[in-house]
Amino acid sequence: MKGRDKKSDIVPIGDAIRCLLNSYHLESKFDEAQIVASWDRLVGLPIARRTRKVYIKNKILYVEFKTASMKNDFLLHKAHVLDVFNAEFGKGMVTDIVVR
């Protein structure tokens, strides 16, 4: 391998993982898992503690709360939370939040 620069073969680990996930068509599932895993951090512990279930399907984030009062309180701030997720993950990764 004469004349080949080894430094040009170096790829950042994040890019390599993204490429691997993309080649196995898992990138969207990885992104969805990242979004769900970020729920506690992005909404804060008071809301996270009152959350029963969080999952994403077809770019819609579904959230189930433990109490009806928490559900009603969250609905007042739903647009802001959607903005926070779009700022964190990019516009279009979460298109809506459905509260159950």
N, C-alpha and C. Protein backbone atom coordinates (compact mmCIF):
# COMPACT_ATOMS: atom_id res chain seq x y z
N MET A 1 0.84 -1.17 0.00
CA MET A 1 0.00 0.00 0.00
C MET A 1 0.88 1.23 0.00
N LYS A 2 1.66 1.32 -0.96
CA LYS A 2 2.58 2.42 -1.10
C LYS A 2 1.83 3.69 -1.50
N GLY A 3 2.18 4.77 -0.84
CA GLY A 3 1.60 6.07 -1.17
C GLY A 3 0.23 6.33 -0.54
N ARG A 4 -0.23 5.41 0.25
CA ARG A 4 -1.55 5.59 0.88
C ARG A 4 -1.37 6.25 2.24
N ASP A 5 -2.15 7.26 2.50
CA ASP A 5 -2.08 7.99 3.75
C ASP A 5 -3.03 7.35 4.77
N LYS A 6 -2.48 6.83 5.86
CA LYS A 6 -3.30 6.15 6.86
C LYS A 6 -4.25 7.11 7.55
N LYS A 7 -3.88 8.37 7.67
CA LYS A 7 -4.75 9.35 8.33
C LYS A 7 -6.03 9.58 7.53
N SER A 8 -5.97 9.41 6.22
CA SER A 8 -7.18 9.61 5.42
C SER A 8 -8.19 8.48 5.61
N ASP A 9 -7.75 7.34 6.17
CA ASP A 9 -8.63 6.21 6.44
C ASP A 9 -9.35 6.34 7.78
N ILE A 10 -8.96 7.31 8.58
CA ILE A 10 -9.54 7.47 9.91
C ILE A 10 -10.90 8.17 9.79
N VAL A 11 -11.90 7.55 10.43
CA VAL A 11 -13.26 8.08 10.43
C VAL A 11 -13.69 8.23 11.88
N PRO A 12 -14.31 9.34 12.24
CA PRO A 12 -14.82 9.48 13.62
C PRO A 12 -15.79 8.34 13.95
N ILE A 13 -15.76 7.87 15.20
CA ILE A 13 -16.56 6.73 15.61
C ILE A 13 -18.05 6.97 15.41
N GLY A 14 -18.51 8.18 15.66
CA GLY A 14 -19.92 8.51 15.47
C GLY A 14 -20.34 8.32 14.01
N ASP A 15 -19.49 8.76 13.09
CA ASP A 15 -19.78 8.61 11.67
C ASP A 15 -19.78 7.14 11.26
N ALA A 16 -18.86 6.38 11.81
CA ALA A 16 -18.78 4.95 11.50
C ALA A 16 -20.03 4.21 11.99
N ILE A 17 -20.48 4.55 13.19
CA ILE A 17 -21.68 3.91 13.74
C ILE A 17 -22.90 4.30 12.90
N ARG A 18 -23.02 5.58 12.55
CA ARG A 18 -24.13 6.03 11.70
C ARG A 18 -24.14 5.27 10.37
N CYS A 19 -22.98 5.12 9.78
CA CYS A 19 -22.87 4.41 8.51
C CYS A 19 -23.31 2.95 8.67
N LEU A 20 -22.88 2.32 9.75
CA LEU A 20 -23.26 0.93 10.02
C LEU A 20 -24.77 0.81 10.22
N LEU A 21 -25.34 1.69 11.03
CA LEU A 21 -26.79 1.66 11.27
C LEU A 21 -27.56 1.90 9.97
N ASN A 22 -27.07 2.82 9.16
CA ASN A 22 -27.72 3.12 7.90
C ASN A 22 -27.66 1.92 6.94
N SER A 23 -26.53 1.24 6.92
CA SER A 23 -26.39 0.10 6.01
C SER A 23 -27.30 -1.06 6.39
N TYR A 24 -27.65 -1.17 7.66
CA TYR A 24 -28.57 -2.21 8.11
C TYR A 24 -30.00 -1.67 8.28
N HIS A 25 -30.25 -0.47 7.80
CA HIS A 25 -31.57 0.18 7.87
C HIS A 25 -32.08 0.27 9.30
N LEU A 26 -31.19 0.59 10.22
CA LEU A 26 -31.53 0.72 11.63
C LEU A 26 -31.42 2.15 12.14
N GLU A 27 -31.04 3.06 11.29
CA GLU A 27 -30.79 4.44 11.72
C GLU A 27 -32.05 5.08 12.32
N SER A 28 -33.20 4.88 11.70
CA SER A 28 -34.42 5.49 12.22
C SER A 28 -34.80 4.89 13.57
N LYS A 29 -34.59 3.60 13.76
CA LYS A 29 -34.89 2.96 15.05
C LYS A 29 -33.93 3.48 16.12
N PHE A 30 -32.69 3.70 15.77
CA PHE A 30 -31.72 4.26 16.70
C PHE A 30 -32.13 5.66 17.11
N ASP A 31 -32.54 6.48 16.14
CA ASP A 31 -32.99 7.85 16.43
C ASP A 31 -34.21 7.83 17.34
N GLU A 32 -35.15 6.93 17.08
CA GLU A 32 -36.34 6.82 17.92
C GLU A 32 -35.96 6.44 19.35
N ALA A 33 -35.03 5.51 19.50
CA ALA A 33 -34.58 5.11 20.84
C ALA A 33 -33.91 6.27 21.56
N GLN A 34 -33.15 7.06 20.84
CA GLN A 34 -32.49 8.24 21.42
C GLN A 34 -33.53 9.25 21.91
N ILE A 35 -34.57 9.46 21.14
CA ILE A 35 -35.62 10.41 21.51
C ILE A 35 -36.31 9.95 22.79
N VAL A 36 -36.71 8.68 22.84
CA VAL A 36 -37.39 8.15 24.01
C VAL A 36 -36.47 8.19 25.23
N ALA A 37 -35.21 7.85 25.04
CA ALA A 37 -34.25 7.86 26.15
C ALA A 37 -34.00 9.27 26.68
N SER A 38 -34.26 10.28 25.88
CA SER A 38 -34.03 11.67 26.28
C SER A 38 -35.22 12.29 27.00
N TRP A 39 -36.31 11.58 27.11
CA TRP A 39 -37.53 12.13 27.72
C TRP A 39 -37.25 12.73 29.09
N ASP A 40 -36.65 11.97 30.00
CA ASP A 40 -36.39 12.45 31.36
C ASP A 40 -35.56 13.73 31.36
N ARG A 41 -34.52 13.74 30.56
CA ARG A 41 -33.61 14.89 30.53
C ARG A 41 -34.28 16.13 29.95
N LEU A 42 -35.08 15.95 28.91
CA LEU A 42 -35.66 17.10 28.22
C LEU A 42 -36.89 17.68 28.91
N VAL A 43 -37.68 16.85 29.58
CA VAL A 43 -38.88 17.39 30.24
C VAL A 43 -38.66 17.64 31.72
N GLY A 44 -37.61 17.07 32.30
CA GLY A 44 -37.32 17.27 33.71
C GLY A 44 -37.90 16.16 34.58
N LEU A 45 -37.32 16.01 35.76
CA LEU A 45 -37.71 14.93 36.66
C LEU A 45 -39.15 15.01 37.17
N PRO A 46 -39.69 16.19 37.49
CA PRO A 46 -41.08 16.22 37.97
C PRO A 46 -42.08 15.61 36.96
N ILE A 47 -41.90 15.92 35.69
CA ILE A 47 -42.78 15.35 34.67
C ILE A 47 -42.43 13.89 34.43
N ALA A 48 -41.15 13.59 34.36
CA ALA A 48 -40.71 12.22 34.09
C ALA A 48 -41.20 11.24 35.16
N ARG A 49 -41.23 11.67 36.40
CA ARG A 49 -41.69 10.79 37.48
C ARG A 49 -43.18 10.48 37.38
N ARG A 50 -43.91 11.35 36.73
CA ARG A 50 -45.36 11.16 36.59
C ARG A 50 -45.74 10.55 35.23
N THR A 51 -44.71 10.11 34.50
CA THR A 51 -44.93 9.50 33.20
C THR A 51 -44.94 7.99 33.34
N ARG A 52 -45.94 7.38 32.77
CA ARG A 52 -46.06 5.92 32.82
C ARG A 52 -45.35 5.27 31.64
N LYS A 53 -45.55 5.83 30.44
CA LYS A 53 -45.01 5.19 29.24
C LYS A 53 -44.71 6.25 28.18
N VAL A 54 -43.59 6.06 27.45
CA VAL A 54 -43.21 6.93 26.34
C VAL A 54 -42.73 6.05 25.20
N TYR A 55 -43.26 6.28 24.01
CA TYR A 55 -42.77 5.57 22.83
C TYR A 55 -43.02 6.42 21.60
N ILE A 56 -42.35 6.08 20.52
CA ILE A 56 -42.48 6.85 19.29
C ILE A 56 -42.84 5.89 18.15
N LYS A 57 -43.74 6.37 17.29
CA LYS A 57 -44.14 5.59 16.13
C LYS A 57 -44.47 6.56 15.01
N ASN A 58 -43.86 6.36 13.87
CA ASN A 58 -44.09 7.22 12.70
C ASN A 58 -43.88 8.70 13.02
N LYS A 59 -42.84 8.97 13.77
CA LYS A 59 -42.43 10.34 14.14
C LYS A 59 -43.41 11.03 15.09
N ILE A 60 -44.31 10.28 15.68
CA ILE A 60 -45.24 10.82 16.67
C ILE A 60 -44.85 10.25 18.03
N LEU A 61 -44.63 11.13 18.99
CA LEU A 61 -44.26 10.73 20.34
C LEU A 61 -45.53 10.53 21.15
N TYR A 62 -45.70 9.32 21.68
CA TYR A 62 -46.86 8.99 22.51
C TYR A 62 -46.42 8.98 23.97
N VAL A 63 -47.20 9.66 24.79
CA VAL A 63 -46.87 9.78 26.21
C VAL A 63 -48.11 9.41 27.03
N GLU A 64 -47.91 8.56 28.02
CA GLU A 64 -48.99 8.19 28.93
C GLU A 64 -48.60 8.63 30.33
N PHE A 65 -49.46 9.40 30.96
CA PHE A 65 -49.19 9.90 32.30
C PHE A 65 -49.93 9.08 33.35
N LYS A 66 -49.46 9.16 34.58
CA LYS A 66 -50.05 8.40 35.68
C LYS A 66 -51.36 8.99 36.16
N THR A 67 -51.53 10.30 36.01
CA THR A 67 -52.75 10.95 36.50
C THR A 67 -53.36 11.84 35.42
N ALA A 68 -54.67 12.01 35.51
CA ALA A 68 -55.37 12.89 34.57
C ALA A 68 -54.94 14.35 34.74
N SER A 69 -54.66 14.74 35.98
CA SER A 69 -54.24 16.13 36.20
C SER A 69 -52.90 16.42 35.54
N MET A 70 -51.99 15.45 35.55
CA MET A 70 -50.69 15.64 34.88
C MET A 70 -50.89 15.71 33.38
N LYS A 71 -51.79 14.91 32.86
CA LYS A 71 -52.11 14.93 31.44
C LYS A 71 -52.61 16.32 31.04
N ASN A 72 -53.52 16.86 31.82
CA ASN A 72 -54.07 18.19 31.52
C ASN A 72 -53.00 19.27 31.63
N ASP A 73 -52.17 19.21 32.64
CA ASP A 73 -51.08 20.18 32.79
C ASP A 73 -50.12 20.11 31.62
N PHE A 74 -49.79 18.89 31.20
CA PHE A 74 -48.85 18.73 30.10
C PHE A 74 -49.42 19.29 28.80
N LEU A 75 -50.70 19.09 28.58
CA LEU A 75 -51.32 19.59 27.34
C LEU A 75 -51.16 21.10 27.19
N LEU A 76 -51.07 21.82 28.30
CA LEU A 76 -50.84 23.26 28.24
C LEU A 76 -49.45 23.62 27.71
N HIS A 77 -48.51 22.70 27.90
CA HIS A 77 -47.11 22.94 27.52
C HIS A 77 -46.65 22.07 26.37
N LYS A 78 -47.56 21.37 25.74
CA LYS A 78 -47.22 20.43 24.68
C LYS A 78 -46.42 21.09 23.54
N ALA A 79 -46.86 22.25 23.10
CA ALA A 79 -46.18 22.94 21.99
C ALA A 79 -44.74 23.28 22.37
N HIS A 80 -44.53 23.72 23.61
CA HIS A 80 -43.17 24.04 24.05
C HIS A 80 -42.29 22.79 24.09
N VAL A 81 -42.84 21.69 24.59
CA VAL A 81 -42.07 20.44 24.66
C VAL A 81 -41.73 19.96 23.24
N LEU A 82 -42.65 20.09 22.32
CA LEU A 82 -42.38 19.73 20.93
C LEU A 82 -41.25 20.58 20.36
N ASP A 83 -41.25 21.86 20.68
CA ASP A 83 -40.16 22.75 20.26
C ASP A 83 -38.82 22.31 20.85
N VAL A 84 -38.83 21.88 22.11
CA VAL A 84 -37.59 21.41 22.76
C VAL A 84 -37.06 20.18 22.05
N PHE A 85 -37.92 19.24 21.71
CA PHE A 85 -37.49 18.03 21.00
C PHE A 85 -36.97 18.37 19.60
N ASN A 86 -37.64 19.29 18.92
CA ASN A 86 -37.17 19.69 17.59
C ASN A 86 -35.83 20.41 17.66
N ALA A 87 -35.62 21.20 18.70
CA ALA A 87 -34.33 21.88 18.86
C ALA A 87 -33.22 20.88 19.15
N GLU A 88 -33.53 19.86 19.91
CA GLU A 88 -32.53 18.86 20.29
C GLU A 88 -32.21 17.89 19.15
N PHE A 89 -33.22 17.44 18.41
CA PHE A 89 -33.02 16.38 17.43
C PHE A 89 -33.20 16.81 15.98
N GLY A 90 -33.62 18.03 15.78
CA GLY A 90 -33.84 18.52 14.43
C GLY A 90 -35.31 18.52 14.08
N LYS A 91 -35.69 19.49 13.31
CA LYS A 91 -37.10 19.63 12.93
C LYS A 91 -37.53 18.41 12.12
N GLY A 92 -38.69 17.90 12.48
CA GLY A 92 -39.23 16.76 11.74
C GLY A 92 -38.97 15.40 12.36
N MET A 93 -38.08 15.33 13.35
CA MET A 93 -37.84 14.03 14.00
C MET A 93 -39.05 13.64 14.84
N VAL A 94 -39.69 14.63 15.47
CA VAL A 94 -40.93 14.42 16.21
C VAL A 94 -41.92 15.43 15.63
N THR A 95 -42.96 14.93 14.97
CA THR A 95 -43.91 15.83 14.32
C THR A 95 -45.09 16.19 15.23
N ASP A 96 -45.36 15.35 16.23
CA ASP A 96 -46.47 15.63 17.14
C ASP A 96 -46.26 14.84 18.43
N ILE A 97 -46.98 15.25 19.46
CA ILE A 97 -46.99 14.52 20.73
C ILE A 97 -48.43 14.20 21.04
N VAL A 98 -48.71 12.92 21.23
CA VAL A 98 -50.05 12.48 21.58
C VAL A 98 -50.02 12.07 23.04
N VAL A 99 -50.93 12.67 23.82
CA VAL A 99 -50.98 12.39 25.25
C VAL A 99 -52.15 11.44 25.50
N ARG A 100 -51.86 10.39 26.26
CA ARG A 100 -52.88 9.39 26.56
C ARG A 100 -53.11 9.32 28.04
